[in-house]
Amino acid sequence: MPKKDYYDDPDAPAANSIVPAVAAVVRNEAGDILMIERTDNGLWALPGGAQDLGESVVDAVRREVEEETGLTVEVTGISGIYSDPKHVIAYDDGEVRQEFSICFHARPLAGSLRPSSESRQVHWVAPERLDELDIHPSMQLRIDHAIKHPEDVHLG
């Protein structure tokens, strides 16, 4: 379902829902970051998505990463919690979600990179090459926090 992210935009529609979501900063031994090109908005992002009923947030991270990238991962910590009401996501069906996402650190365990119905492309990207990708500012914030302050948990 196509979506549009708004961040600190006075013309953004008002939120009408909030859904727990997860994202993962997966880094390989070289320090590269696992990135996907999303099919719903064409932007590059960390793998992640909504938590399903009946699963823990850690299970949601593992499921989302495997679904979108083909890799199984081990969750190693929390990078940040993002709940800024100035960030809303509008969907074609009229839903407008206020952001509520927990971002985790993870490392790859097994699998082979492959795209999915949610990811047009999947690549390992060196941190110094991230500026070559079209990344939404809210996603860039998560990546920056994880890279620049890996021991801290961002709360916002």
N, C-alpha and C. Protein backbone atom coordinates (compact mmCIF):
# COMPACT_ATOMS: atom_id res chain seq x y z
N MET A 1 0.85 -1.16 0.00
CA MET A 1 0.00 0.00 0.00
C MET A 1 0.91 1.24 0.00
N PRO A 2 0.80 2.11 -1.02
CA PRO A 2 1.64 3.31 -1.07
C PRO A 2 1.45 4.18 0.16
N LYS A 3 2.54 4.85 0.53
CA LYS A 3 2.49 5.70 1.71
C LYS A 3 3.31 6.95 1.48
N LYS A 4 3.04 7.95 2.32
CA LYS A 4 3.82 9.18 2.27
C LYS A 4 4.16 9.59 3.69
N ASP A 5 5.46 9.81 3.93
CA ASP A 5 5.92 10.27 5.24
C ASP A 5 5.91 11.78 5.28
N TYR A 6 5.49 12.32 6.41
CA TYR A 6 5.55 13.76 6.68
C TYR A 6 6.33 13.96 7.97
N TYR A 7 7.24 14.91 7.97
CA TYR A 7 7.98 15.21 9.18
C TYR A 7 8.01 16.71 9.39
N ASP A 8 7.43 17.15 10.48
CA ASP A 8 7.38 18.56 10.84
C ASP A 8 6.84 19.41 9.69
N ASP A 9 5.77 18.91 9.08
CA ASP A 9 5.14 19.55 7.92
C ASP A 9 3.78 20.10 8.34
N PRO A 10 3.60 21.44 8.28
CA PRO A 10 2.31 22.02 8.70
C PRO A 10 1.14 21.57 7.83
N ASP A 11 1.43 21.05 6.62
CA ASP A 11 0.37 20.58 5.73
C ASP A 11 0.08 19.09 5.86
N ALA A 12 0.73 18.44 6.82
CA ALA A 12 0.52 17.00 7.01
C ALA A 12 -0.89 16.75 7.53
N PRO A 13 -1.50 15.64 7.10
CA PRO A 13 -2.82 15.30 7.65
C PRO A 13 -2.70 14.92 9.12
N ALA A 14 -3.80 15.03 9.85
CA ALA A 14 -3.82 14.68 11.26
C ALA A 14 -3.78 13.16 11.43
N ALA A 15 -3.02 12.71 12.41
CA ALA A 15 -2.94 11.27 12.69
C ALA A 15 -4.29 10.76 13.19
N ASN A 16 -4.62 9.51 12.77
CA ASN A 16 -5.84 8.87 13.25
C ASN A 16 -5.58 7.47 13.81
N SER A 17 -4.29 7.09 13.88
CA SER A 17 -3.93 5.80 14.47
C SER A 17 -2.48 5.82 14.93
N ILE A 18 -2.14 4.85 15.73
CA ILE A 18 -0.76 4.63 16.15
C ILE A 18 -0.55 3.12 16.17
N VAL A 19 0.53 2.66 15.56
CA VAL A 19 0.80 1.23 15.42
C VAL A 19 2.25 0.97 15.82
N PRO A 20 2.51 0.05 16.76
CA PRO A 20 3.89 -0.26 17.11
C PRO A 20 4.63 -0.82 15.90
N ALA A 21 5.82 -0.27 15.67
CA ALA A 21 6.64 -0.71 14.55
C ALA A 21 8.08 -0.92 15.02
N VAL A 22 8.84 -1.64 14.22
CA VAL A 22 10.25 -1.91 14.52
C VAL A 22 11.09 -1.63 13.29
N ALA A 23 12.37 -1.37 13.52
CA ALA A 23 13.36 -1.25 12.45
C ALA A 23 14.66 -1.82 12.98
N ALA A 24 15.54 -2.22 12.08
CA ALA A 24 16.81 -2.82 12.51
C ALA A 24 17.99 -2.20 11.78
N VAL A 25 18.98 -1.81 12.57
CA VAL A 25 20.27 -1.39 12.03
C VAL A 25 21.14 -2.65 12.07
N VAL A 26 21.16 -3.36 10.94
CA VAL A 26 21.92 -4.60 10.83
C VAL A 26 23.27 -4.24 10.22
N ARG A 27 24.34 -4.58 10.94
CA ARG A 27 25.69 -4.29 10.44
C ARG A 27 26.47 -5.58 10.30
N ASN A 28 27.19 -5.69 9.18
CA ASN A 28 28.04 -6.86 8.96
C ASN A 28 29.41 -6.62 9.59
N GLU A 29 30.30 -7.59 9.45
CA GLU A 29 31.63 -7.48 10.08
C GLU A 29 32.43 -6.30 9.55
N ALA A 30 32.16 -5.87 8.32
CA ALA A 30 32.86 -4.72 7.74
C ALA A 30 32.28 -3.39 8.22
N GLY A 31 31.15 -3.45 8.93
CA GLY A 31 30.51 -2.23 9.42
C GLY A 31 29.48 -1.66 8.46
N ASP A 32 29.24 -2.37 7.33
CA ASP A 32 28.23 -1.92 6.38
C ASP A 32 26.84 -2.10 6.99
N ILE A 33 25.90 -1.30 6.50
CA ILE A 33 24.53 -1.30 7.01
C ILE A 33 23.60 -1.92 5.98
N LEU A 34 22.72 -2.79 6.42
CA LEU A 34 21.75 -3.44 5.55
C LEU A 34 20.63 -2.44 5.23
N MET A 35 20.45 -2.14 3.94
CA MET A 35 19.46 -1.16 3.50
C MET A 35 18.57 -1.79 2.44
N ILE A 36 17.30 -1.35 2.43
CA ILE A 36 16.36 -1.79 1.40
C ILE A 36 15.80 -0.58 0.67
N GLU A 37 15.51 -0.77 -0.61
CA GLU A 37 14.73 0.23 -1.35
C GLU A 37 13.29 -0.24 -1.27
N ARG A 38 12.45 0.54 -0.60
CA ARG A 38 11.06 0.14 -0.34
C ARG A 38 10.23 0.21 -1.63
N THR A 39 9.31 -0.75 -1.79
CA THR A 39 8.43 -0.73 -2.95
C THR A 39 7.27 0.23 -2.77
N ASP A 40 6.91 0.56 -1.50
CA ASP A 40 5.74 1.41 -1.28
C ASP A 40 5.99 2.90 -1.46
N ASN A 41 7.25 3.34 -1.35
CA ASN A 41 7.53 4.77 -1.54
C ASN A 41 8.81 5.05 -2.31
N GLY A 42 9.55 4.01 -2.68
CA GLY A 42 10.76 4.17 -3.48
C GLY A 42 11.96 4.70 -2.71
N LEU A 43 11.83 4.89 -1.42
CA LEU A 43 12.93 5.41 -0.61
C LEU A 43 13.75 4.27 -0.02
N TRP A 44 15.00 4.57 0.32
CA TRP A 44 15.86 3.61 0.99
C TRP A 44 15.62 3.69 2.48
N ALA A 45 15.66 2.53 3.14
CA ALA A 45 15.33 2.47 4.56
C ALA A 45 16.00 1.28 5.21
N LEU A 46 15.98 1.30 6.53
CA LEU A 46 16.34 0.12 7.30
C LEU A 46 15.19 -0.87 7.17
N PRO A 47 15.46 -2.16 7.20
CA PRO A 47 14.35 -3.11 7.19
C PRO A 47 13.52 -2.97 8.46
N GLY A 48 12.22 -3.17 8.31
CA GLY A 48 11.34 -3.08 9.47
C GLY A 48 9.90 -2.97 9.06
N GLY A 49 9.03 -2.89 10.06
CA GLY A 49 7.61 -2.78 9.80
C GLY A 49 6.82 -2.93 11.07
N ALA A 50 5.52 -3.11 10.92
CA ALA A 50 4.61 -3.18 12.05
C ALA A 50 4.75 -4.49 12.81
N GLN A 51 4.59 -4.39 14.11
CA GLN A 51 4.54 -5.56 14.97
C GLN A 51 3.16 -6.20 14.84
N ASP A 52 3.12 -7.52 14.71
CA ASP A 52 1.86 -8.24 14.61
C ASP A 52 1.37 -8.65 16.01
N LEU A 53 0.06 -8.80 16.13
CA LEU A 53 -0.50 -9.34 17.36
C LEU A 53 0.10 -10.71 17.63
N GLY A 54 0.41 -10.99 18.88
CA GLY A 54 0.92 -12.30 19.25
C GLY A 54 2.42 -12.46 19.13
N GLU A 55 3.14 -11.40 18.75
CA GLU A 55 4.59 -11.51 18.68
C GLU A 55 5.25 -10.43 19.52
N SER A 56 6.45 -10.72 19.98
CA SER A 56 7.22 -9.74 20.72
C SER A 56 7.89 -8.78 19.74
N VAL A 57 8.43 -7.67 20.24
CA VAL A 57 9.12 -6.75 19.33
C VAL A 57 10.36 -7.41 18.73
N VAL A 58 11.05 -8.24 19.51
CA VAL A 58 12.24 -8.93 18.98
C VAL A 58 11.83 -9.91 17.88
N ASP A 59 10.73 -10.63 18.08
CA ASP A 59 10.23 -11.52 17.03
C ASP A 59 9.85 -10.71 15.79
N ALA A 60 9.26 -9.53 15.99
CA ALA A 60 8.88 -8.68 14.87
C ALA A 60 10.11 -8.24 14.08
N VAL A 61 11.18 -7.88 14.77
CA VAL A 61 12.42 -7.49 14.08
C VAL A 61 12.93 -8.64 13.23
N ARG A 62 13.05 -9.80 13.84
CA ARG A 62 13.57 -10.96 13.10
C ARG A 62 12.70 -11.28 11.88
N ARG A 63 11.38 -11.26 12.08
CA ARG A 63 10.46 -11.57 10.97
C ARG A 63 10.59 -10.54 9.86
N GLU A 64 10.54 -9.26 10.21
CA GLU A 64 10.59 -8.20 9.20
C GLU A 64 11.90 -8.23 8.41
N VAL A 65 13.02 -8.40 9.09
CA VAL A 65 14.30 -8.44 8.39
C VAL A 65 14.34 -9.63 7.44
N GLU A 66 13.91 -10.80 7.91
CA GLU A 66 13.92 -11.98 7.04
C GLU A 66 12.98 -11.81 5.85
N GLU A 67 11.76 -11.29 6.10
CA GLU A 67 10.80 -11.10 5.01
C GLU A 67 11.35 -10.14 3.94
N GLU A 68 11.97 -9.05 4.38
CA GLU A 68 12.38 -8.00 3.44
C GLU A 68 13.75 -8.20 2.82
N THR A 69 14.61 -9.03 3.46
CA THR A 69 16.00 -9.12 2.98
C THR A 69 16.51 -10.54 2.74
N GLY A 70 15.85 -11.55 3.32
CA GLY A 70 16.33 -12.93 3.20
C GLY A 70 17.30 -13.33 4.29
N LEU A 71 17.67 -12.41 5.18
CA LEU A 71 18.63 -12.72 6.23
C LEU A 71 17.95 -12.99 7.57
N THR A 72 18.50 -13.94 8.31
CA THR A 72 18.12 -14.10 9.71
C THR A 72 19.12 -13.31 10.54
N VAL A 73 18.64 -12.70 11.62
CA VAL A 73 19.50 -11.83 12.42
C VAL A 73 19.35 -12.15 13.90
N GLU A 74 20.36 -11.73 14.64
CA GLU A 74 20.32 -11.73 16.09
C GLU A 74 20.18 -10.28 16.54
N VAL A 75 19.18 -10.01 17.35
CA VAL A 75 18.98 -8.67 17.90
C VAL A 75 19.95 -8.51 19.06
N THR A 76 20.73 -7.42 19.04
CA THR A 76 21.78 -7.23 20.05
C THR A 76 21.55 -6.05 20.98
N GLY A 77 20.54 -5.23 20.71
CA GLY A 77 20.27 -4.10 21.58
C GLY A 77 19.27 -3.15 20.98
N ILE A 78 18.94 -2.11 21.75
CA ILE A 78 18.03 -1.07 21.28
C ILE A 78 18.85 0.16 20.91
N SER A 79 18.57 0.69 19.74
CA SER A 79 19.22 1.92 19.29
C SER A 79 18.40 3.14 19.68
N GLY A 80 17.06 3.03 19.58
CA GLY A 80 16.24 4.18 19.92
C GLY A 80 14.76 3.89 19.85
N ILE A 81 14.00 4.79 20.47
CA ILE A 81 12.55 4.75 20.43
C ILE A 81 12.10 6.06 19.82
N TYR A 82 11.31 5.98 18.75
CA TYR A 82 10.92 7.16 17.98
C TYR A 82 9.40 7.30 18.00
N SER A 83 8.94 8.38 18.61
CA SER A 83 7.49 8.58 18.76
C SER A 83 7.09 10.04 18.56
N ASP A 84 7.87 10.78 17.78
CA ASP A 84 7.63 12.20 17.56
C ASP A 84 6.27 12.40 16.87
N PRO A 85 5.32 13.08 17.52
CA PRO A 85 4.01 13.28 16.89
C PRO A 85 4.06 14.16 15.64
N LYS A 86 5.20 14.81 15.39
CA LYS A 86 5.36 15.60 14.15
C LYS A 86 5.66 14.70 12.95
N HIS A 87 5.89 13.41 13.20
CA HIS A 87 6.13 12.46 12.11
C HIS A 87 4.89 11.61 11.94
N VAL A 88 4.21 11.77 10.81
CA VAL A 88 3.05 10.95 10.48
C VAL A 88 3.25 10.30 9.13
N ILE A 89 2.58 9.18 8.95
CA ILE A 89 2.68 8.41 7.71
C ILE A 89 1.26 8.23 7.19
N ALA A 90 1.02 8.76 5.99
CA ALA A 90 -0.31 8.69 5.38
C ALA A 90 -0.35 7.55 4.36
N TYR A 91 -1.40 6.74 4.44
CA TYR A 91 -1.60 5.61 3.53
C TYR A 91 -2.78 5.91 2.61
N ASP A 92 -2.80 5.25 1.46
CA ASP A 92 -3.86 5.46 0.46
C ASP A 92 -5.26 5.15 0.97
N ASP A 93 -5.36 4.30 1.99
CA ASP A 93 -6.68 3.91 2.49
C ASP A 93 -7.25 4.91 3.50
N GLY A 94 -6.54 6.03 3.74
CA GLY A 94 -7.02 7.06 4.67
C GLY A 94 -6.42 6.97 6.05
N GLU A 95 -5.72 5.89 6.34
CA GLU A 95 -5.05 5.80 7.64
C GLU A 95 -3.88 6.77 7.67
N VAL A 96 -3.73 7.47 8.78
CA VAL A 96 -2.59 8.37 9.00
C VAL A 96 -2.02 8.01 10.37
N ARG A 97 -0.86 7.37 10.37
CA ARG A 97 -0.26 6.88 11.61
C ARG A 97 0.69 7.90 12.21
N GLN A 98 0.56 8.09 13.51
CA GLN A 98 1.62 8.78 14.24
C GLN A 98 2.75 7.78 14.39
N GLU A 99 3.98 8.24 14.18
CA GLU A 99 5.14 7.37 14.29
C GLU A 99 5.27 6.79 15.70
N PHE A 100 5.49 5.49 15.80
CA PHE A 100 5.90 4.84 17.03
C PHE A 100 6.75 3.65 16.63
N SER A 101 8.06 3.82 16.69
CA SER A 101 8.96 2.80 16.20
C SER A 101 10.11 2.59 17.18
N ILE A 102 10.44 1.34 17.40
CA ILE A 102 11.62 0.99 18.19
C ILE A 102 12.66 0.47 17.22
N CYS A 103 13.83 1.09 17.26
CA CYS A 103 14.92 0.72 16.36
C CYS A 103 15.94 -0.10 17.14
N PHE A 104 16.34 -1.23 16.57
CA PHE A 104 17.23 -2.17 17.22
C PHE A 104 18.56 -2.29 16.48
N HIS A 105 19.60 -2.65 17.22
CA HIS A 105 20.85 -3.09 16.62
C HIS A 105 20.72 -4.60 16.39
N ALA A 106 21.29 -5.08 15.27
CA ALA A 106 21.26 -6.52 15.00
C ALA A 106 22.47 -6.90 14.17
N ARG A 107 22.76 -8.19 14.17
CA ARG A 107 23.84 -8.71 13.34
C ARG A 107 23.33 -9.89 12.53
N PRO A 108 23.86 -10.05 11.31
CA PRO A 108 23.40 -11.15 10.46
C PRO A 108 23.89 -12.50 10.98
N LEU A 109 23.05 -13.51 10.85
CA LEU A 109 23.42 -14.86 11.23
C LEU A 109 23.51 -15.78 10.02
N ALA A 110 22.54 -15.70 9.12
CA ALA A 110 22.47 -16.62 7.98
C ALA A 110 21.58 -16.04 6.90
N GLY A 111 21.60 -16.69 5.75
CA GLY A 111 20.73 -16.30 4.64
C GLY A 111 21.49 -15.61 3.53
N SER A 112 20.77 -15.32 2.46
CA SER A 112 21.32 -14.63 1.29
C SER A 112 20.43 -13.45 0.97
N LEU A 113 21.06 -12.33 0.61
CA LEU A 113 20.29 -11.14 0.27
C LEU A 113 19.38 -11.42 -0.92
N ARG A 114 18.11 -10.99 -0.78
CA ARG A 114 17.15 -11.09 -1.87
C ARG A 114 16.06 -10.05 -1.64
N PRO A 115 15.51 -9.48 -2.71
CA PRO A 115 14.40 -8.55 -2.55
C PRO A 115 13.10 -9.32 -2.25
N SER A 116 12.05 -8.55 -1.96
CA SER A 116 10.75 -9.15 -1.65
C SER A 116 9.67 -8.24 -2.21
N SER A 117 8.43 -8.54 -1.88
CA SER A 117 7.33 -7.68 -2.33
C SER A 117 7.40 -6.31 -1.66
N GLU A 118 8.14 -6.19 -0.57
CA GLU A 118 8.28 -4.92 0.14
C GLU A 118 9.60 -4.23 -0.13
N SER A 119 10.55 -4.93 -0.75
CA SER A 119 11.88 -4.36 -0.99
C SER A 119 12.30 -4.59 -2.45
N ARG A 120 12.44 -3.51 -3.17
CA ARG A 120 12.84 -3.57 -4.58
C ARG A 120 14.30 -4.00 -4.71
N GLN A 121 15.15 -3.48 -3.82
CA GLN A 121 16.57 -3.82 -3.79
C GLN A 121 16.99 -3.98 -2.34
N VAL A 122 18.02 -4.82 -2.12
CA VAL A 122 18.60 -5.03 -0.80
C VAL A 122 20.11 -5.00 -0.96
N HIS A 123 20.77 -4.13 -0.19
CA HIS A 123 22.23 -4.00 -0.31
C HIS A 123 22.87 -3.72 1.04
N TRP A 124 24.13 -4.14 1.16
CA TRP A 124 24.99 -3.69 2.24
C TRP A 124 25.58 -2.36 1.77
N VAL A 125 25.50 -1.34 2.61
CA VAL A 125 25.97 -0.01 2.23
C VAL A 125 26.97 0.48 3.27
N ALA A 126 28.14 0.91 2.80
CA ALA A 126 29.13 1.49 3.70
C ALA A 126 28.58 2.81 4.24
N PRO A 127 28.78 3.09 5.52
CA PRO A 127 28.23 4.32 6.10
C PRO A 127 28.58 5.59 5.32
N GLU A 128 29.77 5.66 4.77
CA GLU A 128 30.18 6.86 4.03
C GLU A 128 29.49 7.00 2.67
N ARG A 129 28.75 5.98 2.25
CA ARG A 129 28.03 6.03 0.97
C ARG A 129 26.53 6.23 1.15
N LEU A 130 26.06 6.33 2.38
CA LEU A 130 24.63 6.50 2.63
C LEU A 130 24.07 7.77 2.00
N ASP A 131 24.89 8.81 1.91
CA ASP A 131 24.40 10.08 1.34
C ASP A 131 24.10 9.97 -0.16
N GLU A 132 24.47 8.86 -0.78
CA GLU A 132 24.17 8.63 -2.19
C GLU A 132 22.75 8.08 -2.38
N LEU A 133 22.10 7.69 -1.28
CA LEU A 133 20.77 7.09 -1.34
C LEU A 133 19.70 8.12 -0.97
N ASP A 134 18.50 7.93 -1.53
CA ASP A 134 17.35 8.77 -1.20
C ASP A 134 16.70 8.19 0.06
N ILE A 135 16.98 8.82 1.21
CA ILE A 135 16.52 8.34 2.51
C ILE A 135 15.68 9.43 3.16
N HIS A 136 14.50 9.08 3.67
CA HIS A 136 13.66 10.06 4.36
C HIS A 136 14.39 10.57 5.62
N PRO A 137 14.24 11.85 5.95
CA PRO A 137 14.94 12.40 7.13
C PRO A 137 14.68 11.64 8.42
N SER A 138 13.48 11.13 8.63
CA SER A 138 13.21 10.38 9.87
C SER A 138 14.00 9.08 9.91
N MET A 139 14.21 8.45 8.77
CA MET A 139 15.01 7.22 8.71
C MET A 139 16.49 7.56 8.86
N GLN A 140 16.91 8.65 8.24
CA GLN A 140 18.31 9.08 8.36
C GLN A 140 18.65 9.35 9.82
N LEU A 141 17.71 9.91 10.57
CA LEU A 141 17.91 10.18 11.99
C LEU A 141 18.21 8.88 12.74
N ARG A 142 17.46 7.83 12.46
CA ARG A 142 17.70 6.54 13.13
C ARG A 142 19.09 6.01 12.80
N ILE A 143 19.45 6.10 11.53
CA ILE A 143 20.76 5.61 11.10
C ILE A 143 21.87 6.41 11.77
N ASP A 144 21.73 7.74 11.77
CA ASP A 144 22.75 8.60 12.39
C ASP A 144 22.91 8.29 13.87
N HIS A 145 21.80 8.15 14.59
CA HIS A 145 21.90 7.83 16.02
C HIS A 145 22.62 6.50 16.22
N ALA A 146 22.29 5.50 15.43
CA ALA A 146 22.89 4.17 15.59
C ALA A 146 24.38 4.18 15.28
N ILE A 147 24.78 4.95 14.28
CA ILE A 147 26.19 4.98 13.87
C ILE A 147 27.02 5.85 14.81
N LYS A 148 26.51 7.04 15.10
CA LYS A 148 27.30 8.02 15.86
C LYS A 148 27.30 7.76 17.36
N HIS A 149 26.25 7.12 17.87
CA HIS A 149 26.13 6.87 19.31
C HIS A 149 25.63 5.45 19.56
N PRO A 150 26.40 4.44 19.14
CA PRO A 150 25.90 3.06 19.22
C PRO A 150 25.64 2.55 20.63
N GLU A 151 26.25 3.15 21.64
CA GLU A 151 26.05 2.70 23.01
C GLU A 151 24.86 3.39 23.68
N ASP A 152 24.37 4.47 23.09
CA ASP A 152 23.27 5.23 23.68
C ASP A 152 21.93 4.78 23.09
N VAL A 153 20.88 4.90 23.86
CA VAL A 153 19.52 4.65 23.37
C VAL A 153 18.88 6.02 23.19
N HIS A 154 18.52 6.32 21.96
CA HIS A 154 17.85 7.61 21.67
C HIS A 154 16.38 7.51 22.08
N LEU A 155 15.92 8.53 22.79
CA LEU A 155 14.52 8.57 23.19
C LEU A 155 13.91 9.83 22.60
N GLY A 156 12.93 9.66 21.73
CA GLY A 156 12.34 10.85 21.11
C GLY A 156 11.04 10.58 20.43
